[in-house]
Amino acid sequence: MAADDNEINDKEMPLLEHLSELRRRLIWSAAAFLIAFLVCYHFAQQIYEFLAAPLAHALEARGERPELIYTALYEAFFTYVKVAVFGAAFISFPVVAAQIWLFVAPGLYKREKRALMPFLVVTPILFFAGGALAYYVFFPVAWKFFLSFQENSGGVDISLMAKVSDYLNIVMKLIFAFGLSFELPVLLTLLGKVGIVNHAALKKYRRYAYVGCFVLAAVMAPPDVPSQCIMAGLLIFLFEVSLFFVRMVEPKYEEEAEETAESETEQEKDPENA
């Protein structure tokens, strides 16, 4: 008799073995993050210069000298630590994700592994794509807009004196916000594939979803209206993309459900051949 696709290939492990396996995965994840942190701290200045490049280009375009200041004695040191943590989180993410998968995979069915594998591949790609969009598209436009409020007239001058820590905080927040926003299609498509949400329900409550996008934008984006509107627009666009993908995966799920129902009906009608 052929083995059922729903059978678990891996043997069940007792609780102590699960805890031992969890500890092993946590150690590998922590080691990967620590090594990445040490490397990133060594190159913290170069990483910070890369993050500050959009602001530097915007200042140079206005004929101003690129400059960031710090007002506390320890501020520059902790800024470099934050930079190292930020870089280590990006670099070690694939290793951490692989360790999570290695811990979870033995408890999944073959069909579940096949269903999850594309999402595991797409998730980091979309996250990095969101971060790249923030860095290469959003930052130049936003910094140019904010710098336009400087005034050097005959009266009281209004000049930017950006702090190192403040700039880094807003850059990290926006990169992570854009990266997480790009995970919306992955989340909704996965929920649609397992039958938790469907295209009709998402379309029906679209207006509420739009309101939720503006609420999320107010939380994730900086406290200024232009940035929040851009973030909300991005979330709404990704929601519409999610509707398309949910509609694509729904028929497959419905066909499997119909085949299962037909099989059960045939078995009820003809119990001898079941």
C-alpha atoms as a PDB file:
ATOM      1  CA  MET A   1       0.000   0.000   0.000  1.00  0.00           C
ATOM      2  CA  ALA A   2       1.404   3.383  -1.049  1.00  0.00           C
ATOM      3  CA  ALA A   3       2.313   5.770   1.711  1.00  0.00           C
ATOM      4  CA  ASP A   4      -0.042   8.669   2.208  1.00  0.00           C
ATOM      5  CA  ASP A   5       1.310  12.156   1.411  1.00  0.00           C
ATOM      6  CA  ASN A   6       0.047  13.328   4.768  1.00  0.00           C
ATOM      7  CA  GLU A   7       2.244  10.949   6.714  1.00  0.00           C
ATOM      8  CA  ILE A   8       5.119  12.480   8.640  1.00  0.00           C
ATOM      9  CA  ASN A   9       8.473  11.300   7.385  1.00  0.00           C
ATOM     10  CA  ASP A  10      10.359  12.147  10.531  1.00  0.00           C
ATOM     11  CA  LYS A  11       9.882  10.154  13.691  1.00  0.00           C
ATOM     12  CA  GLU A  12       8.233  11.799  16.647  1.00  0.00           C
ATOM     13  CA  MET A  13      10.700  13.016  19.248  1.00  0.00           C
ATOM     14  CA  PRO A  14      10.144  13.086  23.006  1.00  0.00           C
ATOM     15  CA  LEU A  15       9.992  16.393  24.856  1.00  0.00           C
ATOM     16  CA  LEU A  16      13.628  16.368  25.989  1.00  0.00           C
ATOM     17  CA  GLU A  17      14.832  15.825  22.436  1.00  0.00           C
ATOM     18  CA  HIS A  18      12.644  18.708  21.266  1.00  0.00           C
ATOM     19  CA  LEU A  19      14.151  20.963  23.925  1.00  0.00           C
ATOM     20  CA  SER A  20      17.647  19.821  23.002  1.00  0.00           C
ATOM     21  CA  GLU A  21      16.935  20.509  19.335  1.00  0.00           C
ATOM     22  CA  LEU A  22      15.527  23.933  20.211  1.00  0.00           C
ATOM     23  CA  ARG A  23      18.633  24.768  22.229  1.00  0.00           C
ATOM     24  CA  ARG A  24      20.850  23.707  19.336  1.00  0.00           C
ATOM     25  CA  ARG A  25      18.971  25.956  16.903  1.00  0.00           C
ATOM     26  CA  LEU A  26      19.053  28.900  19.314  1.00  0.00           C
ATOM     27  CA  ILE A  27      22.805  28.484  19.792  1.00  0.00           C
ATOM     28  CA  TRP A  28      23.406  28.463  16.029  1.00  0.00           C
ATOM     29  CA  SER A  29      21.178  31.537  15.606  1.00  0.00           C
ATOM     30  CA  ALA A  30      22.871  33.421  18.446  1.00  0.00           C
ATOM     31  CA  ALA A  31      26.321  32.503  17.127  1.00  0.00           C
ATOM     32  CA  ALA A  32      25.424  33.734  13.644  1.00  0.00           C
ATOM     33  CA  PHE A  33      24.099  37.021  15.033  1.00  0.00           C
ATOM     34  CA  LEU A  34      27.146  37.505  17.292  1.00  0.00           C
ATOM     35  CA  ILE A  35      29.631  36.905  14.471  1.00  0.00           C
ATOM     36  CA  ALA A  36      27.664  39.249  12.195  1.00  0.00           C
ATOM     37  CA  PHE A  37      27.554  41.860  14.970  1.00  0.00           C
ATOM     38  CA  LEU A  38      31.340  41.783  15.466  1.00  0.00           C
ATOM     39  CA  VAL A  39      31.942  42.104  11.736  1.00  0.00           C
ATOM     40  CA  CYS A  40      29.407  44.917  11.397  1.00  0.00           C
ATOM     41  CA  TYR A  41      30.820  46.790  14.383  1.00  0.00           C
ATOM     42  CA  HIS A  42      34.258  46.664  12.765  1.00  0.00           C
ATOM     43  CA  PHE A  43      32.743  48.295   9.668  1.00  0.00           C
ATOM     44  CA  ALA A  44      30.205  50.415  11.582  1.00  0.00           C
ATOM     45  CA  GLN A  45      31.548  53.697  10.242  1.00  0.00           C
ATOM     46  CA  GLN A  46      31.309  52.505   6.630  1.00  0.00           C
ATOM     47  CA  ILE A  47      27.786  51.173   7.203  1.00  0.00           C
ATOM     48  CA  TYR A  48      26.715  54.457   8.740  1.00  0.00           C
ATOM     49  CA  GLU A  49      28.197  56.386   5.833  1.00  0.00           C
ATOM     50  CA  PHE A  50      26.165  54.172   3.494  1.00  0.00           C
ATOM     51  CA  LEU A  51      22.974  54.901   5.462  1.00  0.00           C
ATOM     52  CA  ALA A  52      23.778  58.626   5.557  1.00  0.00           C
ATOM     53  CA  ALA A  53      24.571  58.827   1.833  1.00  0.00           C
ATOM     54  CA  PRO A  54      21.022  59.873   0.736  1.00  0.00           C
ATOM     55  CA  LEU A  55      21.084  62.822   3.157  1.00  0.00           C
ATOM     56  CA  ALA A  56      24.624  63.734   2.121  1.00  0.00           C
ATOM     57  CA  HIS A  57      23.640  63.768  -1.561  1.00  0.00           C
ATOM     58  CA  ALA A  58      20.565  65.901  -0.803  1.00  0.00           C
ATOM     59  CA  LEU A  59      22.692  68.425   1.140  1.00  0.00           C
ATOM     60  CA  GLU A  60      25.368  68.542  -1.585  1.00  0.00           C
ATOM     61  CA  ALA A  61      22.665  69.162  -4.200  1.00  0.00           C
ATOM     62  CA  ARG A  62      21.711  72.290  -2.232  1.00  0.00           C
ATOM     63  CA  GLY A  63      25.341  73.414  -2.069  1.00  0.00           C
ATOM     64  CA  GLU A  64      25.612  72.644   1.644  1.00  0.00           C
ATOM     65  CA  ARG A  65      28.264  70.721   3.530  1.00  0.00           C
ATOM     66  CA  PRO A  66      27.089  67.243   4.657  1.00  0.00           C
ATOM     67  CA  GLU A  67      27.272  67.219   8.431  1.00  0.00           C
ATOM     68  CA  LEU A  68      25.721  65.329  11.345  1.00  0.00           C
ATOM     69  CA  ILE A  69      26.287  66.218  14.992  1.00  0.00           C
ATOM     70  CA  TYR A  70      26.067  64.486  18.345  1.00  0.00           C
ATOM     71  CA  THR A  71      25.448  66.294  21.625  1.00  0.00           C
ATOM     72  CA  ALA A  72      26.119  63.583  24.210  1.00  0.00           C
ATOM     73  CA  LEU A  73      29.570  62.188  24.940  1.00  0.00           C
ATOM     74  CA  TYR A  74      28.421  58.569  24.506  1.00  0.00           C
ATOM     75  CA  GLU A  75      26.024  59.185  21.585  1.00  0.00           C
ATOM     76  CA  ALA A  76      28.452  58.347  18.777  1.00  0.00           C
ATOM     77  CA  PHE A  77      29.519  55.073  20.429  1.00  0.00           C
ATOM     78  CA  PHE A  78      25.966  53.835  20.963  1.00  0.00           C
ATOM     79  CA  THR A  79      25.068  54.923  17.452  1.00  0.00           C
ATOM     80  CA  TYR A  80      27.758  52.625  16.075  1.00  0.00           C
ATOM     81  CA  VAL A  81      26.429  49.836  18.310  1.00  0.00           C
ATOM     82  CA  LYS A  82      22.949  50.371  16.848  1.00  0.00           C
ATOM     83  CA  VAL A  83      24.425  50.301  13.358  1.00  0.00           C
ATOM     84  CA  ALA A  84      26.162  47.006  14.137  1.00  0.00           C
ATOM     85  CA  VAL A  85      22.943  45.495  15.527  1.00  0.00           C
ATOM     86  CA  PHE A  86      21.024  46.738  12.476  1.00  0.00           C
ATOM     87  CA  GLY A  87      23.531  45.245  10.051  1.00  0.00           C
ATOM     88  CA  ALA A  88      23.822  41.999  12.004  1.00  0.00           C
ATOM     89  CA  ALA A  89      20.044  41.553  11.941  1.00  0.00           C
ATOM     90  CA  PHE A  90      20.063  41.770   8.139  1.00  0.00           C
ATOM     91  CA  ILE A  91      23.106  39.564   7.605  1.00  0.00           C
ATOM     92  CA  SER A  92      22.135  36.832  10.082  1.00  0.00           C
ATOM     93  CA  PHE A  93      18.465  36.737   9.027  1.00  0.00           C
ATOM     94  CA  PRO A  94      18.913  33.923   6.453  1.00  0.00           C
ATOM     95  CA  VAL A  95      20.763  31.782   9.016  1.00  0.00           C
ATOM     96  CA  VAL A  96      18.146  32.403  11.713  1.00  0.00           C
ATOM     97  CA  ALA A  97      15.326  31.653   9.265  1.00  0.00           C
ATOM     98  CA  ALA A  98      17.058  28.428   8.233  1.00  0.00           C
ATOM     99  CA  GLN A  99      17.390  27.362  11.876  1.00  0.00           C
ATOM    100  CA  ILE A 100      13.692  28.040  12.475  1.00  0.00           C
ATOM    101  CA  TRP A 101      12.827  25.959   9.424  1.00  0.00           C
ATOM    102  CA  LEU A 102      15.093  23.095  10.510  1.00  0.00           C
ATOM    103  CA  PHE A 103      13.346  23.055  13.900  1.00  0.00           C
ATOM    104  CA  VAL A 104       9.795  23.238  12.540  1.00  0.00           C
ATOM    105  CA  ALA A 105      10.131  21.116   9.375  1.00  0.00           C
ATOM    106  CA  PRO A 106      10.300  17.650  11.043  1.00  0.00           C
ATOM    107  CA  GLY A 107       6.814  18.184  12.487  1.00  0.00           C
ATOM    108  CA  LEU A 108       5.205  19.098   9.149  1.00  0.00           C
ATOM    109  CA  TYR A 109       3.531  16.918   6.544  1.00  0.00           C
ATOM    110  CA  LYS A 110       5.002  16.620   3.073  1.00  0.00           C
ATOM    111  CA  ARG A 111       2.165  18.680   1.611  1.00  0.00           C
ATOM    112  CA  GLU A 112       2.693  21.397   4.211  1.00  0.00           C
ATOM    113  CA  LYS A 113       6.421  21.515   3.450  1.00  0.00           C
ATOM    114  CA  ARG A 114       5.722  21.911  -0.270  1.00  0.00           C
ATOM    115  CA  ALA A 115       3.194  24.663   0.436  1.00  0.00           C
ATOM    116  CA  LEU A 116       5.468  26.628   2.773  1.00  0.00           C
ATOM    117  CA  MET A 117       8.703  26.383   0.792  1.00  0.00           C
ATOM    118  CA  PRO A 118       7.844  29.095  -1.809  1.00  0.00           C
ATOM    119  CA  PHE A 119       6.833  31.490   0.970  1.00  0.00           C
ATOM    120  CA  LEU A 120      10.107  30.892   2.812  1.00  0.00           C
ATOM    121  CA  VAL A 121      12.040  31.781  -0.339  1.00  0.00           C
ATOM    122  CA  VAL A 122       9.980  34.858  -1.199  1.00  0.00           C
ATOM    123  CA  THR A 123       9.832  36.321   2.345  1.00  0.00           C
ATOM    124  CA  PRO A 124      13.477  37.523   2.635  1.00  0.00           C
ATOM    125  CA  ILE A 125      13.494  38.664  -0.998  1.00  0.00           C
ATOM    126  CA  LEU A 126      10.457  40.896  -0.460  1.00  0.00           C
ATOM    127  CA  PHE A 127      11.846  42.211   2.827  1.00  0.00           C
ATOM    128  CA  PHE A 128      15.099  43.287   1.176  1.00  0.00           C
ATOM    129  CA  ALA A 129      13.124  44.721  -1.749  1.00  0.00           C
ATOM    130  CA  GLY A 130      11.115  46.859   0.658  1.00  0.00           C
ATOM    131  CA  GLY A 131      14.272  48.103   2.354  1.00  0.00           C
ATOM    132  CA  ALA A 132      15.829  48.899  -1.030  1.00  0.00           C
ATOM    133  CA  LEU A 133      12.730  50.849  -2.054  1.00  0.00           C
ATOM    134  CA  ALA A 134      12.999  52.946   1.104  1.00  0.00           C
ATOM    135  CA  TYR A 135      16.712  53.621   0.612  1.00  0.00           C
ATOM    136  CA  TYR A 136      16.889  54.268  -3.134  1.00  0.00           C
ATOM    137  CA  VAL A 137      13.459  55.808  -3.808  1.00  0.00           C
ATOM    138  CA  PHE A 138      11.837  57.155  -0.637  1.00  0.00           C
ATOM    139  CA  PHE A 139      14.853  58.656   1.151  1.00  0.00           C
ATOM    140  CA  PRO A 140      16.053  60.959  -1.684  1.00  0.00           C
ATOM    141  CA  VAL A 141      12.552  62.375  -2.179  1.00  0.00           C
ATOM    142  CA  ALA A 142      11.786  62.703   1.554  1.00  0.00           C
ATOM    143  CA  TRP A 143      15.112  64.298   2.498  1.00  0.00           C
ATOM    144  CA  LYS A 144      14.812  66.777  -0.378  1.00  0.00           C
ATOM    145  CA  PHE A 145      11.332  67.724   0.846  1.00  0.00           C
ATOM    146  CA  PHE A 146      12.399  68.181   4.474  1.00  0.00           C
ATOM    147  CA  LEU A 147      15.490  70.209   3.521  1.00  0.00           C
ATOM    148  CA  SER A 148      13.323  72.594   1.519  1.00  0.00           C
ATOM    149  CA  PHE A 149      12.126  74.140   4.793  1.00  0.00           C
ATOM    150  CA  GLN A 150      15.557  75.635   5.452  1.00  0.00           C
ATOM    151  CA  GLU A 151      15.627  79.397   5.034  1.00  0.00           C
ATOM    152  CA  ASN A 152      18.682  81.613   4.802  1.00  0.00           C
ATOM    153  CA  SER A 153      17.061  84.969   4.290  1.00  0.00           C
ATOM    154  CA  GLY A 154      17.938  88.318   5.780  1.00  0.00           C
ATOM    155  CA  GLY A 155      15.922  87.533   8.903  1.00  0.00           C
ATOM    156  CA  VAL A 156      16.216  84.578  11.239  1.00  0.00           C
ATOM    157  CA  ASP A 157      17.960  81.645   9.553  1.00  0.00           C
ATOM    158  CA  ILE A 158      16.430  78.178   9.727  1.00  0.00           C
ATOM    159  CA  SER A 159      19.176  75.580   9.282  1.00  0.00           C
ATOM    160  CA  LEU A 160      19.316  71.836   9.762  1.00  0.00           C
ATOM    161  CA  MET A 161      21.575  70.485  12.500  1.00  0.00           C
ATOM    162  CA  ALA A 162      20.707  66.774  12.326  1.00  0.00           C
ATOM    163  CA  LYS A 163      21.789  64.549  15.203  1.00  0.00           C
ATOM    164  CA  VAL A 164      23.547  61.280  14.437  1.00  0.00           C
ATOM    165  CA  SER A 165      21.272  59.165  16.634  1.00  0.00           C
ATOM    166  CA  ASP A 166      18.042  60.804  15.431  1.00  0.00           C
ATOM    167  CA  TYR A 167      18.950  60.270  11.800  1.00  0.00           C
ATOM    168  CA  LEU A 168      19.852  56.639  12.383  1.00  0.00           C
ATOM    169  CA  ASN A 169      16.612  55.981  14.274  1.00  0.00           C
ATOM    170  CA  ILE A 170      14.421  57.324  11.491  1.00  0.00           C
ATOM    171  CA  VAL A 171      16.401  55.484   8.795  1.00  0.00           C
ATOM    172  CA  MET A 172      16.200  52.132  10.596  1.00  0.00           C
ATOM    173  CA  LYS A 173      12.516  52.605  11.362  1.00  0.00           C
ATOM    174  CA  LEU A 174      11.676  53.365   7.732  1.00  0.00           C
ATOM    175  CA  ILE A 175      13.749  50.515   6.304  1.00  0.00           C
ATOM    176  CA  PHE A 176      12.136  48.002   8.642  1.00  0.00           C
ATOM    177  CA  ALA A 177       8.682  49.534   8.021  1.00  0.00           C
ATOM    178  CA  PHE A 178       9.035  49.230   4.244  1.00  0.00           C
ATOM    179  CA  GLY A 179      10.484  45.726   4.573  1.00  0.00           C
ATOM    180  CA  LEU A 180       7.641  44.531   6.796  1.00  0.00           C
ATOM    181  CA  SER A 181       5.072  46.176   4.510  1.00  0.00           C
ATOM    182  CA  PHE A 182       6.297  44.055   1.618  1.00  0.00           C
ATOM    183  CA  GLU A 183       5.454  40.947   3.655  1.00  0.00           C
ATOM    184  CA  LEU A 184       1.709  41.725   3.434  1.00  0.00           C
ATOM    185  CA  PRO A 185       1.191  39.808   0.145  1.00  0.00           C
ATOM    186  CA  VAL A 186       3.051  36.815   1.591  1.00  0.00           C
ATOM    187  CA  LEU A 187       0.918  36.806   4.736  1.00  0.00           C
ATOM    188  CA  LEU A 188      -2.438  37.187   2.989  1.00  0.00           C
ATOM    189  CA  THR A 189      -1.553  34.686   0.244  1.00  0.00           C
ATOM    190  CA  LEU A 190      -0.543  32.109   2.847  1.00  0.00           C
ATOM    191  CA  LEU A 191      -3.771  32.697   4.775  1.00  0.00           C
ATOM    192  CA  GLY A 192      -5.697  32.384   1.527  1.00  0.00           C
ATOM    193  CA  LYS A 193      -3.974  29.129   0.626  1.00  0.00           C
ATOM    194  CA  VAL A 194      -4.912  27.494   3.942  1.00  0.00           C
ATOM    195  CA  GLY A 195      -8.472  28.817   3.705  1.00  0.00           C
ATOM    196  CA  ILE A 196      -8.452  31.312   6.574  1.00  0.00           C
ATOM    197  CA  VAL A 197      -9.237  34.245   4.253  1.00  0.00           C
ATOM    198  CA  ASN A 198     -10.677  34.384   0.745  1.00  0.00           C
ATOM    199  CA  HIS A 199     -10.821  36.862  -2.118  1.00  0.00           C
ATOM    200  CA  ALA A 200     -14.526  37.636  -1.672  1.00  0.00           C
ATOM    201  CA  ALA A 201     -14.153  38.496   2.026  1.00  0.00           C
ATOM    202  CA  LEU A 202     -11.082  40.684   1.443  1.00  0.00           C
ATOM    203  CA  LYS A 203     -12.859  42.501  -1.371  1.00  0.00           C
ATOM    204  CA  LYS A 204     -15.988  42.972   0.761  1.00  0.00           C
ATOM    205  CA  TYR A 205     -14.041  44.570   3.618  1.00  0.00           C
ATOM    206  CA  ARG A 206     -11.679  46.531   1.377  1.00  0.00           C
ATOM    207  CA  ARG A 207     -12.737  49.915   2.788  1.00  0.00           C
ATOM    208  CA  TYR A 208     -11.915  48.767   6.314  1.00  0.00           C
ATOM    209  CA  ALA A 209      -8.584  47.442   5.070  1.00  0.00           C
ATOM    210  CA  TYR A 210      -7.783  50.875   3.643  1.00  0.00           C
ATOM    211  CA  VAL A 211      -8.493  52.460   7.025  1.00  0.00           C
ATOM    212  CA  GLY A 212      -6.238  49.839   8.648  1.00  0.00           C
ATOM    213  CA  CYS A 213      -3.485  50.746   6.162  1.00  0.00           C
ATOM    214  CA  PHE A 214      -3.610  54.374   7.276  1.00  0.00           C
ATOM    215  CA  VAL A 215      -3.545  53.308  10.929  1.00  0.00           C
ATOM    216  CA  LEU A 216      -0.497  51.084  10.336  1.00  0.00           C
ATOM    217  CA  ALA A 217       1.178  53.881   8.400  1.00  0.00           C
ATOM    218  CA  ALA A 218       0.641  56.244  11.332  1.00  0.00           C
ATOM    219  CA  VAL A 219       2.380  53.723  13.608  1.00  0.00           C
ATOM    220  CA  MET A 220       5.254  52.680  11.339  1.00  0.00           C
ATOM    221  CA  ALA A 221       6.090  55.900   9.477  1.00  0.00           C
ATOM    222  CA  PRO A 222       7.643  59.056  10.966  1.00  0.00           C
ATOM    223  CA  PRO A 223       5.212  61.549  12.530  1.00  0.00           C
ATOM    224  CA  ASP A 224       4.736  63.681   9.428  1.00  0.00           C
ATOM    225  CA  VAL A 225       1.808  63.624   7.022  1.00  0.00           C
ATOM    226  CA  PRO A 226       3.711  63.150   3.712  1.00  0.00           C
ATOM    227  CA  SER A 227       5.619  60.095   4.983  1.00  0.00           C
ATOM    228  CA  GLN A 228       2.478  58.560   6.441  1.00  0.00           C
ATOM    229  CA  CYS A 229       0.540  59.121   3.209  1.00  0.00           C
ATOM    230  CA  ILE A 230       3.306  57.485   1.156  1.00  0.00           C
ATOM    231  CA  MET A 231       3.410  54.532   3.551  1.00  0.00           C
ATOM    232  CA  ALA A 232      -0.391  54.193   3.487  1.00  0.00           C
ATOM    233  CA  GLY A 233      -0.381  54.310  -0.314  1.00  0.00           C
ATOM    234  CA  LEU A 234       2.256  51.575  -0.407  1.00  0.00           C
ATOM    235  CA  LEU A 235       0.221  49.397   1.976  1.00  0.00           C
ATOM    236  CA  ILE A 236      -2.933  49.881  -0.097  1.00  0.00           C
ATOM    237  CA  PHE A 237      -1.052  48.935  -3.264  1.00  0.00           C
ATOM    238  CA  LEU A 238       0.345  45.805  -1.596  1.00  0.00           C
ATOM    239  CA  PHE A 239      -3.150  44.935  -0.336  1.00  0.00           C
ATOM    240  CA  GLU A 240      -4.480  45.072  -3.908  1.00  0.00           C
ATOM    241  CA  VAL A 241      -1.585  42.881  -5.048  1.00  0.00           C
ATOM    242  CA  SER A 242      -2.474  40.476  -2.241  1.00  0.00           C
ATOM    243  CA  LEU A 243      -6.053  40.250  -3.548  1.00  0.00           C
ATOM    244  CA  PHE A 244      -4.713  39.064  -6.897  1.00  0.00           C
ATOM    245  CA  PHE A 245      -2.513  36.366  -5.366  1.00  0.00           C
ATOM    246  CA  VAL A 246      -5.224  35.198  -2.970  1.00  0.00           C
ATOM    247  CA  ARG A 247      -7.540  34.751  -5.943  1.00  0.00           C
ATOM    248  CA  MET A 248      -4.827  32.714  -7.701  1.00  0.00           C
ATOM    249  CA  VAL A 249      -4.342  30.249  -4.831  1.00  0.00           C
ATOM    250  CA  GLU A 250      -8.029  29.917  -3.954  1.00  0.00           C
ATOM    251  CA  PRO A 251      -9.073  27.638  -6.843  1.00  0.00           C
ATOM    252  CA  LYS A 252      -6.342  25.150  -5.959  1.00  0.00           C
ATOM    253  CA  TYR A 253      -7.557  25.030  -2.393  1.00  0.00           C
ATOM    254  CA  GLU A 254     -11.185  24.716  -3.480  1.00  0.00           C
ATOM    255  CA  GLU A 255     -10.377  21.921  -5.943  1.00  0.00           C
ATOM    256  CA  GLU A 256      -8.614  19.926  -3.237  1.00  0.00           C
ATOM    257  CA  ALA A 257     -11.614  20.395  -0.939  1.00  0.00           C
ATOM    258  CA  GLU A 258     -14.010  19.287  -3.680  1.00  0.00           C
ATOM    259  CA  GLU A 259     -11.905  16.213  -4.482  1.00  0.00           C
ATOM    260  CA  THR A 260     -11.827  15.279  -0.799  1.00  0.00           C
ATOM    261  CA  ALA A 261     -15.602  15.730  -0.510  1.00  0.00           C
ATOM    262  CA  GLU A 262     -16.234  13.639  -3.640  1.00  0.00           C
ATOM    263  CA  SER A 263     -13.969  10.884  -2.332  1.00  0.00           C
ATOM    264  CA  GLU A 264     -15.799  10.816   1.003  1.00  0.00           C
ATOM    265  CA  THR A 265     -19.159  10.715  -0.797  1.00  0.00           C
ATOM    266  CA  GLU A 266     -18.079   7.770  -2.938  1.00  0.00           C
ATOM    267  CA  GLN A 267     -16.897   5.903   0.131  1.00  0.00           C
ATOM    268  CA  GLU A 268     -20.227   6.468   1.847  1.00  0.00           C
ATOM    269  CA  LYS A 269     -22.127   5.206  -1.204  1.00  0.00           C
ATOM    270  CA  ASP A 270     -19.892   2.158  -1.731  1.00  0.00           C
ATOM    271  CA  PRO A 271     -18.426   1.151   1.650  1.00  0.00           C
ATOM    272  CA  GLU A 272     -17.230  -2.227   0.334  1.00  0.00           C
ATOM    273  CA  ASN A 273     -14.793  -0.653  -2.142  1.00  0.00           C
ATOM    274  CA  ALA A 274     -13.647   2.019   0.289  1.00  0.00           C
END
